Every structure is written in structure tokens, then in C-alpha cells.
Amino acid sequence: MSNARPWLAAALACLFAAPGAAASAEGEDAASAAPGPAASAEGEAANAEPRVLLETIRANRRALVAVNLALPPEEAARFWPVYDRYQAELDAIGDRVARILEDYIASFRDLSDEKALELMEGYLAAEAERVKVRSTYLAEFAKVLPGRTVARLYQIENKMDAVLRYDLAATIPVVEEGSEPPAAEEKREAPAE
């Protein structure tokens, strides 16, 4: 089993870091080539990256879990139906988070205080729901797998999530400090009567 750990790290690096890095490099090349349309293309690439990354993870997550758990056939027969239900619930939450991220990326330059708080509330609600699903399924997994295997499953899941978060962090712009939303700037610039 000790050989599985390096394989997991290598697989995660190849599967998850590469799509974000490639998309970032394409965006940088496009941005330096032409100033006008490149900004639009860069924005479209930034919007697509969270979805592409999410789909990459969904396509490969089950295989990574299978290889790293290496369950005997009788455990696998009990485990996979539970895992598939678990993953379906997490996928629905992931879709919500992806929509929130897409909304943020599309509007971060013109983000009002109200919109910023709305997006954060949506994100935190999704994260709380994600933690609830993971907590609920701990007992479900414990019914079909030994405790150490359940712990390993959650470690593998955490590693995949960490890579996802790292890669997403590279594609999500940070709200600039000191900048005011457009409505606040317009109010300040209006002449006093």
C-alpha cells in the first residue's frame, strides 16, 4: 500500500494541476498577443476553468479512489453504491459552488458590497452543506468498510479537494482592496447642488 501514496500524488498533479496551468498559459499568451479581444477571451477562459476542473475531477475521482483503496471484491460490492450516492450529493453541491464562482468571476470587477456578501453567503451555505454530507456519510461508510479504510477514503478525498482548491485559487481573481463598487464611485463623482 505504500506505493499507492506516490501514485496518488502523481495522478493528482497530472489530472488537476495541468488543466488549470494550461488554461492560464493560454490566457497569458492571448493577453499578450492582442489587447482588445484578448481581454474577452481571457474572461471566457477564466469562466470555463472552474467547470473544466470540476468535470476533470468527476471523471477521474472514482478511479483514483478505486486504485488507492484497492478493496477486495466483497467490500467493493458494498462500498460503491454508497460512494455513488455520496458523490451524487457532493456533485450537486459542487454545481452550486461552480455557479457561484462563475457569477463572481463574471462580475468581480463591478462587484457591489451587496453582491459580494450574497456570493459569500451562498458559498458558505454550500460549504456547510458539504460538511454535513461528509459527516452523514461517515456512518454509512463505516457500515460497509473497516474504520481504517474509511479514514483512508476521507484522506484521499481531502487530498483531491486540496488540489482542486489550490488550482481554483490560481484562477479566481481576488477582490481588490480599496476599490469601491461602481455605484459608490458615481455617487461621489456627482456634483453637489
N, C-alpha and C. Protein backbone atom coordinates (compact mmCIF):
# COMPACT_ATOMS: atom_id res chain seq x y z
N MET A 1 0.80 -1.21 0.00
CA MET A 1 0.00 0.00 0.00
C MET A 1 0.84 1.27 0.00
N SER A 2 2.06 1.21 0.46
CA SER A 2 2.89 2.41 0.50
C SER A 2 3.17 2.93 -0.90
N ASN A 3 3.10 2.07 -1.93
CA ASN A 3 3.29 2.53 -3.30
C ASN A 3 2.11 3.34 -3.81
N ALA A 4 0.96 3.24 -3.17
CA ALA A 4 -0.23 3.97 -3.61
C ALA A 4 -0.09 5.47 -3.34
N ARG A 5 0.59 5.84 -2.28
CA ARG A 5 0.69 7.25 -1.93
C ARG A 5 1.42 8.07 -3.00
N PRO A 6 2.61 7.62 -3.47
CA PRO A 6 3.25 8.39 -4.54
C PRO A 6 2.39 8.41 -5.81
N TRP A 7 1.70 7.31 -6.09
CA TRP A 7 0.85 7.26 -7.27
C TRP A 7 -0.28 8.28 -7.17
N LEU A 8 -0.87 8.39 -5.98
CA LEU A 8 -1.95 9.36 -5.78
C LEU A 8 -1.43 10.77 -6.02
N ALA A 9 -0.28 11.08 -5.46
CA ALA A 9 0.27 12.42 -5.63
C ALA A 9 0.56 12.72 -7.10
N ALA A 10 1.15 11.76 -7.79
CA ALA A 10 1.46 11.96 -9.21
C ALA A 10 0.19 12.09 -10.03
N ALA A 11 -0.78 11.25 -9.76
CA ALA A 11 -2.04 11.29 -10.51
C ALA A 11 -2.76 12.60 -10.27
N LEU A 12 -2.80 13.03 -9.03
CA LEU A 12 -3.46 14.31 -8.72
C LEU A 12 -2.76 15.46 -9.41
N ALA A 13 -1.45 15.45 -9.39
CA ALA A 13 -0.70 16.53 -10.04
C ALA A 13 -0.98 16.57 -11.53
N CYS A 14 -0.99 15.41 -12.17
CA CYS A 14 -1.24 15.34 -13.61
C CYS A 14 -2.68 15.69 -13.97
N LEU A 15 -3.60 15.16 -13.20
CA LEU A 15 -5.01 15.32 -13.54
C LEU A 15 -5.54 16.71 -13.25
N PHE A 16 -5.10 17.28 -12.14
CA PHE A 16 -5.75 18.50 -11.70
C PHE A 16 -4.92 19.76 -11.92
N ALA A 17 -3.64 19.71 -11.75
CA ALA A 17 -2.83 20.91 -11.91
C ALA A 17 -2.68 21.28 -13.37
N ALA A 18 -2.57 20.31 -14.23
CA ALA A 18 -2.33 20.58 -15.64
C ALA A 18 -3.45 21.35 -16.32
N PRO A 19 -4.74 21.03 -16.13
CA PRO A 19 -5.76 21.79 -16.84
C PRO A 19 -5.75 23.27 -16.48
N GLY A 20 -5.58 23.60 -15.21
CA GLY A 20 -5.55 25.00 -14.81
C GLY A 20 -4.32 25.70 -15.33
N ALA A 21 -3.19 25.02 -15.28
CA ALA A 21 -1.94 25.61 -15.75
C ALA A 21 -2.00 25.85 -17.24
N ALA A 22 -2.54 24.89 -17.98
CA ALA A 22 -2.63 25.05 -19.43
C ALA A 22 -3.56 26.19 -19.78
N ALA A 23 -4.69 26.27 -19.11
CA ALA A 23 -5.64 27.33 -19.41
C ALA A 23 -5.05 28.68 -19.04
N SER A 24 -4.31 28.75 -17.92
CA SER A 24 -3.69 30.00 -17.54
C SER A 24 -2.66 30.43 -18.57
N ALA A 25 -1.86 29.49 -19.05
CA ALA A 25 -0.84 29.81 -20.04
C ALA A 25 -1.50 30.30 -21.32
N GLU A 26 -2.59 29.65 -21.75
CA GLU A 26 -3.28 30.10 -22.95
C GLU A 26 -3.81 31.51 -22.77
N GLY A 27 -4.36 31.80 -21.59
CA GLY A 27 -4.89 33.14 -21.32
C GLY A 27 -3.79 34.18 -21.36
N GLU A 28 -2.60 33.85 -20.82
CA GLU A 28 -1.49 34.79 -20.82
C GLU A 28 -1.00 35.01 -22.24
N ASP A 29 -0.90 33.95 -23.06
CA ASP A 29 -0.46 34.12 -24.44
C ASP A 29 -1.44 34.99 -25.20
N ALA A 30 -2.73 34.74 -25.02
CA ALA A 30 -3.75 35.52 -25.72
C ALA A 30 -3.72 36.97 -25.27
N ALA A 31 -3.50 37.20 -23.97
CA ALA A 31 -3.50 38.56 -23.45
C ALA A 31 -2.33 39.35 -24.01
N SER A 32 -1.18 38.71 -24.21
CA SER A 32 -0.03 39.45 -24.71
C SER A 32 -0.09 39.64 -26.23
N ALA A 33 -0.88 38.82 -26.92
CA ALA A 33 -0.94 38.90 -28.38
C ALA A 33 -1.79 40.06 -28.87
N ALA A 34 -2.95 40.26 -28.31
CA ALA A 34 -3.85 41.31 -28.78
C ALA A 34 -4.60 41.90 -27.61
N PRO A 35 -4.52 43.22 -27.42
CA PRO A 35 -5.12 43.83 -26.24
C PRO A 35 -6.64 43.80 -26.22
N GLY A 36 -7.34 44.00 -27.30
CA GLY A 36 -8.80 44.13 -27.28
C GLY A 36 -9.52 42.82 -27.04
N PRO A 37 -9.59 41.97 -28.06
CA PRO A 37 -10.32 40.71 -27.92
C PRO A 37 -9.71 39.76 -26.89
N ALA A 38 -8.43 39.92 -26.58
CA ALA A 38 -7.78 39.01 -25.63
C ALA A 38 -8.40 39.12 -24.25
N ALA A 39 -8.76 40.34 -23.85
CA ALA A 39 -9.38 40.51 -22.55
C ALA A 39 -10.68 39.73 -22.47
N SER A 40 -11.43 39.75 -23.57
CA SER A 40 -12.67 38.98 -23.62
C SER A 40 -12.38 37.49 -23.58
N ALA A 41 -11.40 37.05 -24.35
CA ALA A 41 -11.04 35.63 -24.38
C ALA A 41 -10.53 35.18 -23.02
N GLU A 42 -9.76 36.04 -22.36
CA GLU A 42 -9.24 35.71 -21.04
C GLU A 42 -10.38 35.55 -20.05
N GLY A 43 -11.38 36.42 -20.13
CA GLY A 43 -12.54 36.32 -19.26
C GLY A 43 -13.31 35.04 -19.51
N GLU A 44 -13.46 34.66 -20.79
CA GLU A 44 -14.16 33.42 -21.12
C GLU A 44 -13.37 32.22 -20.60
N ALA A 45 -12.04 32.24 -20.72
CA ALA A 45 -11.22 31.14 -20.22
C ALA A 45 -11.34 31.03 -18.71
N ALA A 46 -11.34 32.16 -18.02
CA ALA A 46 -11.47 32.14 -16.56
C ALA A 46 -12.81 31.57 -16.15
N ASN A 47 -13.88 31.89 -16.89
CA ASN A 47 -15.19 31.33 -16.59
C ASN A 47 -15.24 29.84 -16.85
N ALA A 48 -14.53 29.36 -17.86
CA ALA A 48 -14.57 27.95 -18.22
C ALA A 48 -13.72 27.10 -17.28
N GLU A 49 -12.65 27.64 -16.73
CA GLU A 49 -11.73 26.85 -15.92
C GLU A 49 -12.37 26.15 -14.74
N PRO A 50 -13.20 26.80 -13.92
CA PRO A 50 -13.80 26.06 -12.81
C PRO A 50 -14.64 24.87 -13.29
N ARG A 51 -15.37 25.04 -14.38
CA ARG A 51 -16.19 23.94 -14.92
C ARG A 51 -15.31 22.82 -15.46
N VAL A 52 -14.27 23.16 -16.20
CA VAL A 52 -13.37 22.15 -16.75
C VAL A 52 -12.71 21.37 -15.63
N LEU A 53 -12.24 22.06 -14.62
CA LEU A 53 -11.60 21.41 -13.48
C LEU A 53 -12.58 20.50 -12.76
N LEU A 54 -13.80 20.97 -12.56
CA LEU A 54 -14.82 20.16 -11.89
C LEU A 54 -15.13 18.90 -12.69
N GLU A 55 -15.26 19.02 -13.99
CA GLU A 55 -15.53 17.85 -14.83
C GLU A 55 -14.35 16.88 -14.86
N THR A 56 -13.13 17.40 -14.83
CA THR A 56 -11.94 16.55 -14.79
C THR A 56 -11.92 15.73 -13.51
N ILE A 57 -12.22 16.38 -12.41
CA ILE A 57 -12.25 15.69 -11.14
C ILE A 57 -13.33 14.61 -11.13
N ARG A 58 -14.51 14.96 -11.60
CA ARG A 58 -15.61 13.99 -11.60
C ARG A 58 -15.29 12.78 -12.46
N ALA A 59 -14.62 13.00 -13.56
CA ALA A 59 -14.29 11.90 -14.46
C ALA A 59 -13.23 10.97 -13.86
N ASN A 60 -12.38 11.49 -13.02
CA ASN A 60 -11.25 10.71 -12.53
C ASN A 60 -11.30 10.35 -11.05
N ARG A 61 -12.17 10.97 -10.31
CA ARG A 61 -12.22 10.78 -8.86
C ARG A 61 -12.48 9.32 -8.48
N ARG A 62 -13.46 8.71 -9.10
CA ARG A 62 -13.82 7.33 -8.77
C ARG A 62 -12.64 6.39 -9.04
N ALA A 63 -11.95 6.60 -10.15
CA ALA A 63 -10.80 5.76 -10.48
C ALA A 63 -9.68 5.94 -9.46
N LEU A 64 -9.44 7.17 -9.04
CA LEU A 64 -8.40 7.41 -8.04
C LEU A 64 -8.75 6.76 -6.70
N VAL A 65 -10.02 6.85 -6.33
CA VAL A 65 -10.45 6.20 -5.09
C VAL A 65 -10.28 4.68 -5.22
N ALA A 66 -10.71 4.13 -6.34
CA ALA A 66 -10.62 2.67 -6.54
C ALA A 66 -9.18 2.18 -6.44
N VAL A 67 -8.28 2.85 -7.12
CA VAL A 67 -6.88 2.43 -7.11
C VAL A 67 -6.27 2.56 -5.72
N ASN A 68 -6.60 3.63 -5.02
CA ASN A 68 -5.97 3.88 -3.73
C ASN A 68 -6.60 3.12 -2.58
N LEU A 69 -7.85 2.68 -2.72
CA LEU A 69 -8.44 1.84 -1.68
C LEU A 69 -8.17 0.37 -1.92
N ALA A 70 -8.10 -0.03 -3.19
CA ALA A 70 -7.84 -1.43 -3.56
C ALA A 70 -8.68 -2.40 -2.72
N LEU A 71 -9.99 -2.22 -2.80
CA LEU A 71 -10.91 -3.02 -2.00
C LEU A 71 -11.05 -4.44 -2.55
N PRO A 72 -11.15 -5.41 -1.65
CA PRO A 72 -11.48 -6.76 -2.11
C PRO A 72 -12.90 -6.75 -2.72
N PRO A 73 -13.21 -7.68 -3.60
CA PRO A 73 -14.49 -7.66 -4.30
C PRO A 73 -15.73 -7.57 -3.40
N GLU A 74 -15.73 -8.28 -2.28
CA GLU A 74 -16.92 -8.25 -1.42
C GLU A 74 -17.11 -6.88 -0.76
N GLU A 75 -16.02 -6.22 -0.37
CA GLU A 75 -16.13 -4.85 0.18
C GLU A 75 -16.51 -3.88 -0.92
N ALA A 76 -15.92 -4.03 -2.09
CA ALA A 76 -16.22 -3.13 -3.21
C ALA A 76 -17.70 -3.19 -3.57
N ALA A 77 -18.28 -4.38 -3.55
CA ALA A 77 -19.70 -4.53 -3.89
C ALA A 77 -20.60 -3.77 -2.91
N ARG A 78 -20.20 -3.70 -1.66
CA ARG A 78 -20.98 -2.95 -0.66
C ARG A 78 -20.66 -1.45 -0.71
N PHE A 79 -19.40 -1.14 -1.01
CA PHE A 79 -18.93 0.25 -0.94
C PHE A 79 -19.43 1.12 -2.09
N TRP A 80 -19.32 0.68 -3.34
CA TRP A 80 -19.56 1.56 -4.48
C TRP A 80 -20.97 2.13 -4.56
N PRO A 81 -22.01 1.40 -4.22
CA PRO A 81 -23.34 2.03 -4.23
C PRO A 81 -23.44 3.19 -3.23
N VAL A 82 -22.84 3.01 -2.05
CA VAL A 82 -22.85 4.08 -1.05
C VAL A 82 -22.02 5.26 -1.55
N TYR A 83 -20.85 4.97 -2.10
CA TYR A 83 -19.97 6.04 -2.61
C TYR A 83 -20.65 6.81 -3.74
N ASP A 84 -21.34 6.11 -4.62
CA ASP A 84 -22.01 6.78 -5.74
C ASP A 84 -23.10 7.73 -5.24
N ARG A 85 -23.86 7.32 -4.22
CA ARG A 85 -24.87 8.22 -3.64
C ARG A 85 -24.21 9.43 -2.99
N TYR A 86 -23.14 9.17 -2.25
CA TYR A 86 -22.37 10.22 -1.59
C TYR A 86 -21.85 11.23 -2.62
N GLN A 87 -21.27 10.70 -3.68
CA GLN A 87 -20.70 11.57 -4.70
C GLN A 87 -21.78 12.36 -5.44
N ALA A 88 -22.95 11.75 -5.66
CA ALA A 88 -24.04 12.47 -6.32
C ALA A 88 -24.48 13.68 -5.48
N GLU A 89 -24.54 13.50 -4.18
CA GLU A 89 -24.90 14.62 -3.30
C GLU A 89 -23.83 15.70 -3.33
N LEU A 90 -22.57 15.29 -3.29
CA LEU A 90 -21.48 16.27 -3.34
C LEU A 90 -21.42 16.96 -4.71
N ASP A 91 -21.73 16.23 -5.78
CA ASP A 91 -21.73 16.82 -7.12
C ASP A 91 -22.76 17.94 -7.22
N ALA A 92 -23.93 17.74 -6.63
CA ALA A 92 -24.96 18.78 -6.66
C ALA A 92 -24.47 20.04 -5.94
N ILE A 93 -23.79 19.84 -4.82
CA ILE A 93 -23.22 20.98 -4.09
C ILE A 93 -22.11 21.62 -4.92
N GLY A 94 -21.28 20.80 -5.54
CA GLY A 94 -20.20 21.31 -6.40
C GLY A 94 -20.74 22.14 -7.56
N ASP A 95 -21.87 21.73 -8.10
CA ASP A 95 -22.50 22.51 -9.18
C ASP A 95 -22.91 23.89 -8.67
N ARG A 96 -23.47 23.93 -7.45
CA ARG A 96 -23.84 25.23 -6.86
C ARG A 96 -22.62 26.12 -6.68
N VAL A 97 -21.54 25.54 -6.16
CA VAL A 97 -20.31 26.31 -5.95
C VAL A 97 -19.76 26.80 -7.29
N ALA A 98 -19.81 25.95 -8.31
CA ALA A 98 -19.32 26.36 -9.64
C ALA A 98 -20.13 27.53 -10.18
N ARG A 99 -21.45 27.51 -9.99
CA ARG A 99 -22.28 28.64 -10.45
C ARG A 99 -21.93 29.92 -9.69
N ILE A 100 -21.69 29.79 -8.38
CA ILE A 100 -21.30 30.95 -7.57
C ILE A 100 -19.96 31.50 -8.07
N LEU A 101 -19.01 30.61 -8.33
CA LEU A 101 -17.69 31.06 -8.82
C LEU A 101 -17.81 31.71 -10.19
N GLU A 102 -18.62 31.13 -11.06
CA GLU A 102 -18.81 31.72 -12.39
C GLU A 102 -19.44 33.10 -12.27
N ASP A 103 -20.41 33.25 -11.39
CA ASP A 103 -21.05 34.54 -11.17
C ASP A 103 -20.03 35.55 -10.65
N TYR A 104 -19.20 35.12 -9.70
CA TYR A 104 -18.18 36.01 -9.16
C TYR A 104 -17.16 36.41 -10.23
N ILE A 105 -16.66 35.45 -10.97
CA ILE A 105 -15.65 35.74 -11.98
C ILE A 105 -16.21 36.70 -13.04
N ALA A 106 -17.47 36.52 -13.39
CA ALA A 106 -18.09 37.39 -14.39
C ALA A 106 -18.29 38.81 -13.87
N SER A 107 -18.40 38.99 -12.56
CA SER A 107 -18.76 40.31 -12.04
C SER A 107 -17.76 40.89 -11.04
N PHE A 108 -16.60 40.27 -10.86
CA PHE A 108 -15.73 40.73 -9.77
C PHE A 108 -15.22 42.15 -9.96
N ARG A 109 -15.11 42.62 -11.18
CA ARG A 109 -14.63 44.00 -11.40
C ARG A 109 -15.67 45.04 -10.98
N ASP A 110 -16.95 44.68 -11.09
CA ASP A 110 -18.05 45.59 -10.77
C ASP A 110 -18.81 45.13 -9.53
N LEU A 111 -18.17 44.42 -8.66
CA LEU A 111 -18.83 43.78 -7.53
C LEU A 111 -19.25 44.81 -6.48
N SER A 112 -20.54 44.86 -6.22
CA SER A 112 -21.04 45.74 -5.15
C SER A 112 -20.86 45.03 -3.81
N ASP A 113 -20.95 45.78 -2.74
CA ASP A 113 -20.86 45.19 -1.40
C ASP A 113 -21.96 44.16 -1.20
N GLU A 114 -23.17 44.49 -1.67
CA GLU A 114 -24.30 43.57 -1.51
C GLU A 114 -24.07 42.28 -2.27
N LYS A 115 -23.60 42.38 -3.50
CA LYS A 115 -23.36 41.19 -4.32
C LYS A 115 -22.23 40.35 -3.72
N ALA A 116 -21.20 41.00 -3.21
CA ALA A 116 -20.09 40.28 -2.58
C ALA A 116 -20.59 39.46 -1.40
N LEU A 117 -21.42 40.07 -0.56
CA LEU A 117 -21.96 39.34 0.59
C LEU A 117 -22.91 38.23 0.16
N GLU A 118 -23.71 38.48 -0.86
CA GLU A 118 -24.62 37.45 -1.38
C GLU A 118 -23.83 36.22 -1.86
N LEU A 119 -22.77 36.47 -2.62
CA LEU A 119 -21.94 35.37 -3.12
C LEU A 119 -21.27 34.61 -1.97
N MET A 120 -20.76 35.34 -0.99
CA MET A 120 -20.11 34.68 0.15
C MET A 120 -21.11 33.87 0.96
N GLU A 121 -22.31 34.39 1.15
CA GLU A 121 -23.34 33.63 1.88
C GLU A 121 -23.69 32.35 1.13
N GLY A 122 -23.81 32.43 -0.17
CA GLY A 122 -24.09 31.24 -0.98
C GLY A 122 -22.97 30.23 -0.89
N TYR A 123 -21.74 30.71 -0.96
CA TYR A 123 -20.58 29.82 -0.88
C TYR A 123 -20.50 29.15 0.48
N LEU A 124 -20.65 29.92 1.55
CA LEU A 124 -20.57 29.35 2.89
C LEU A 124 -21.71 28.37 3.17
N ALA A 125 -22.90 28.65 2.64
CA ALA A 125 -24.02 27.71 2.79
C ALA A 125 -23.71 26.40 2.08
N ALA A 126 -23.12 26.48 0.90
CA ALA A 126 -22.75 25.27 0.16
C ALA A 126 -21.67 24.49 0.91
N GLU A 127 -20.70 25.19 1.46
CA GLU A 127 -19.64 24.53 2.22
C GLU A 127 -20.21 23.84 3.47
N ALA A 128 -21.14 24.50 4.14
CA ALA A 128 -21.76 23.89 5.32
C ALA A 128 -22.54 22.64 4.93
N GLU A 129 -23.21 22.70 3.80
CA GLU A 129 -23.94 21.52 3.32
C GLU A 129 -22.97 20.40 2.95
N ARG A 130 -21.85 20.76 2.37
CA ARG A 130 -20.83 19.76 2.01
C ARG A 130 -20.31 19.06 3.26
N VAL A 131 -20.03 19.80 4.31
CA VAL A 131 -19.56 19.22 5.56
C VAL A 131 -20.64 18.30 6.15
N LYS A 132 -21.89 18.72 6.06
CA LYS A 132 -22.98 17.90 6.58
C LYS A 132 -23.07 16.56 5.82
N VAL A 133 -22.96 16.60 4.50
CA VAL A 133 -22.99 15.37 3.70
C VAL A 133 -21.83 14.46 4.09
N ARG A 134 -20.65 15.02 4.19
CA ARG A 134 -19.47 14.22 4.55
C ARG A 134 -19.63 13.60 5.94
N SER A 135 -20.18 14.36 6.87
CA SER A 135 -20.40 13.85 8.23
C SER A 135 -21.45 12.75 8.23
N THR A 136 -22.53 12.94 7.50
CA THR A 136 -23.60 11.95 7.43
C THR A 136 -23.09 10.64 6.84
N TYR A 137 -22.31 10.72 5.80
CA TYR A 137 -21.84 9.51 5.12
C TYR A 137 -20.73 8.79 5.88
N LEU A 138 -20.13 9.42 6.84
CA LEU A 138 -19.12 8.73 7.64
C LEU A 138 -19.72 7.46 8.24
N ALA A 139 -20.89 7.58 8.83
CA ALA A 139 -21.55 6.41 9.43
C ALA A 139 -21.96 5.40 8.36
N GLU A 140 -22.37 5.89 7.19
CA GLU A 140 -22.76 4.98 6.10
C GLU A 140 -21.56 4.17 5.61
N PHE A 141 -20.43 4.84 5.44
CA PHE A 141 -19.22 4.13 5.00
C PHE A 141 -18.75 3.14 6.08
N ALA A 142 -18.91 3.53 7.34
CA ALA A 142 -18.48 2.65 8.44
C ALA A 142 -19.31 1.36 8.49
N LYS A 143 -20.50 1.37 7.90
CA LYS A 143 -21.32 0.16 7.86
C LYS A 143 -20.81 -0.84 6.82
N VAL A 144 -20.05 -0.36 5.83
CA VAL A 144 -19.64 -1.24 4.73
C VAL A 144 -18.12 -1.43 4.63
N LEU A 145 -17.35 -0.64 5.39
CA LEU A 145 -15.89 -0.73 5.35
C LEU A 145 -15.32 -0.69 6.76
N PRO A 146 -14.13 -1.27 6.96
CA PRO A 146 -13.46 -1.13 8.25
C PRO A 146 -13.08 0.34 8.50
N GLY A 147 -12.97 0.70 9.77
CA GLY A 147 -12.68 2.08 10.15
C GLY A 147 -11.43 2.67 9.51
N ARG A 148 -10.37 1.89 9.45
CA ARG A 148 -9.12 2.40 8.85
C ARG A 148 -9.30 2.69 7.36
N THR A 149 -10.09 1.87 6.68
CA THR A 149 -10.34 2.10 5.26
C THR A 149 -11.19 3.34 5.06
N VAL A 150 -12.16 3.55 5.95
CA VAL A 150 -12.98 4.77 5.89
C VAL A 150 -12.08 5.99 6.09
N ALA A 151 -11.18 5.91 7.06
CA ALA A 151 -10.25 7.03 7.29
C ALA A 151 -9.40 7.29 6.05
N ARG A 152 -8.91 6.22 5.41
CA ARG A 152 -8.11 6.39 4.20
C ARG A 152 -8.94 7.02 3.08
N LEU A 153 -10.21 6.59 2.95
CA LEU A 153 -11.09 7.20 1.95
C LEU A 153 -11.20 8.71 2.17
N TYR A 154 -11.44 9.11 3.40
CA TYR A 154 -11.58 10.54 3.68
C TYR A 154 -10.26 11.27 3.45
N GLN A 155 -9.14 10.64 3.72
CA GLN A 155 -7.84 11.26 3.43
C GLN A 155 -7.66 11.46 1.93
N ILE A 156 -8.01 10.44 1.15
CA ILE A 156 -7.90 10.55 -0.31
C ILE A 156 -8.81 11.66 -0.82
N GLU A 157 -10.04 11.70 -0.32
CA GLU A 157 -10.98 12.75 -0.71
C GLU A 157 -10.42 14.13 -0.35
N ASN A 158 -9.86 14.25 0.84
CA ASN A 158 -9.29 15.53 1.28
C ASN A 158 -8.13 15.97 0.39
N LYS A 159 -7.30 15.03 -0.01
CA LYS A 159 -6.18 15.36 -0.89
C LYS A 159 -6.68 15.84 -2.26
N MET A 160 -7.67 15.15 -2.80
CA MET A 160 -8.22 15.58 -4.09
C MET A 160 -8.86 16.97 -3.96
N ASP A 161 -9.58 17.20 -2.87
CA ASP A 161 -10.21 18.50 -2.66
C ASP A 161 -9.15 19.60 -2.50
N ALA A 162 -8.05 19.28 -1.82
CA ALA A 162 -6.98 20.27 -1.63
C ALA A 162 -6.38 20.68 -2.97
N VAL A 163 -6.17 19.71 -3.85
CA VAL A 163 -5.63 20.01 -5.18
C VAL A 163 -6.62 20.87 -5.96
N LEU A 164 -7.90 20.52 -5.89
CA LEU A 164 -8.93 21.31 -6.56
C LEU A 164 -8.92 22.75 -6.05
N ARG A 165 -8.92 22.91 -4.75
CA ARG A 165 -8.94 24.26 -4.18
C ARG A 165 -7.68 25.05 -4.57
N TYR A 166 -6.55 24.39 -4.58
CA TYR A 166 -5.31 25.06 -4.98
C TYR A 166 -5.40 25.53 -6.42
N ASP A 167 -5.85 24.65 -7.30
CA ASP A 167 -5.94 25.00 -8.71
C ASP A 167 -6.99 26.09 -8.94
N LEU A 168 -8.11 25.99 -8.26
CA LEU A 168 -9.14 27.02 -8.40
C LEU A 168 -8.63 28.37 -7.90
N ALA A 169 -7.89 28.35 -6.81
CA ALA A 169 -7.37 29.60 -6.25
C ALA A 169 -6.50 30.34 -7.27
N ALA A 170 -5.81 29.61 -8.12
CA ALA A 170 -4.97 30.25 -9.13
C ALA A 170 -5.80 30.92 -10.23
N THR A 171 -7.05 30.51 -10.39
CA THR A 171 -7.88 31.05 -11.47
C THR A 171 -8.89 32.09 -11.01
N ILE A 172 -9.08 32.21 -9.71
CA ILE A 172 -10.11 33.12 -9.19
C ILE A 172 -9.47 34.42 -8.76
N PRO A 173 -9.86 35.52 -9.39
CA PRO A 173 -9.28 36.82 -9.01
C PRO A 173 -9.77 37.26 -7.63
N VAL A 174 -8.90 37.95 -6.91
CA VAL A 174 -9.23 38.45 -5.58
C VAL A 174 -9.82 39.85 -5.72
N VAL A 175 -10.83 40.15 -4.91
CA VAL A 175 -11.41 41.49 -4.90
C VAL A 175 -10.32 42.46 -4.47
N GLU A 176 -10.17 43.52 -5.23
CA GLU A 176 -9.11 44.48 -4.92
C GLU A 176 -9.48 45.31 -3.70
N GLU A 177 -8.53 45.43 -2.79
CA GLU A 177 -8.71 46.23 -1.59
C GLU A 177 -8.73 47.70 -1.96
N GLY A 178 -9.57 48.46 -1.31
CA GLY A 178 -9.61 49.89 -1.53
C GLY A 178 -10.43 50.31 -2.74
N SER A 179 -10.80 49.38 -3.60
CA SER A 179 -11.63 49.76 -4.73
C SER A 179 -13.07 49.77 -4.28
N GLU A 180 -13.80 50.70 -4.82
CA GLU A 180 -15.21 50.81 -4.46
C GLU A 180 -16.05 50.32 -5.61
N PRO A 181 -17.23 49.79 -5.30
CA PRO A 181 -18.11 49.37 -6.38
C PRO A 181 -18.51 50.57 -7.22
N PRO A 182 -18.88 50.35 -8.48
CA PRO A 182 -19.21 51.45 -9.40
C PRO A 182 -20.26 52.40 -8.85
N ALA A 183 -21.28 51.94 -8.17
CA ALA A 183 -22.34 52.81 -7.68
C ALA A 183 -21.79 53.81 -6.67
N ALA A 184 -20.88 53.38 -5.81
CA ALA A 184 -20.30 54.28 -4.81
C ALA A 184 -19.43 55.34 -5.47
N GLU A 185 -18.69 54.97 -6.53
CA GLU A 185 -17.86 55.94 -7.24
C GLU A 185 -18.72 56.98 -7.93
N GLU A 186 -19.83 56.56 -8.55
CA GLU A 186 -20.72 57.50 -9.25
C GLU A 186 -21.32 58.49 -8.27
N LYS A 187 -21.72 58.03 -7.07
CA LYS A 187 -22.30 58.93 -6.08
C LYS A 187 -21.30 59.99 -5.66
N ARG A 188 -20.03 59.59 -5.50
CA ARG A 188 -19.01 60.52 -5.06
C ARG A 188 -18.67 61.52 -6.15
N GLU A 189 -18.74 61.12 -7.43
CA GLU A 189 -18.39 61.99 -8.53
C GLU A 189 -19.51 62.95 -8.92
N ALA A 190 -20.73 62.69 -8.47
CA ALA A 190 -21.85 63.57 -8.83
C ALA A 190 -21.64 64.93 -8.21
N PRO A 191 -21.86 66.00 -9.00
CA PRO A 191 -21.64 67.35 -8.48
C PRO A 191 -22.67 67.68 -7.39
N ALA A 192 -22.18 68.39 -6.36
CA ALA A 192 -23.05 68.80 -5.27
C ALA A 192 -23.86 70.00 -5.70
N GLU A 193 -25.16 70.01 -5.40
CA GLU A 193 -26.01 71.14 -5.82
C GLU A 193 -26.40 71.97 -4.67
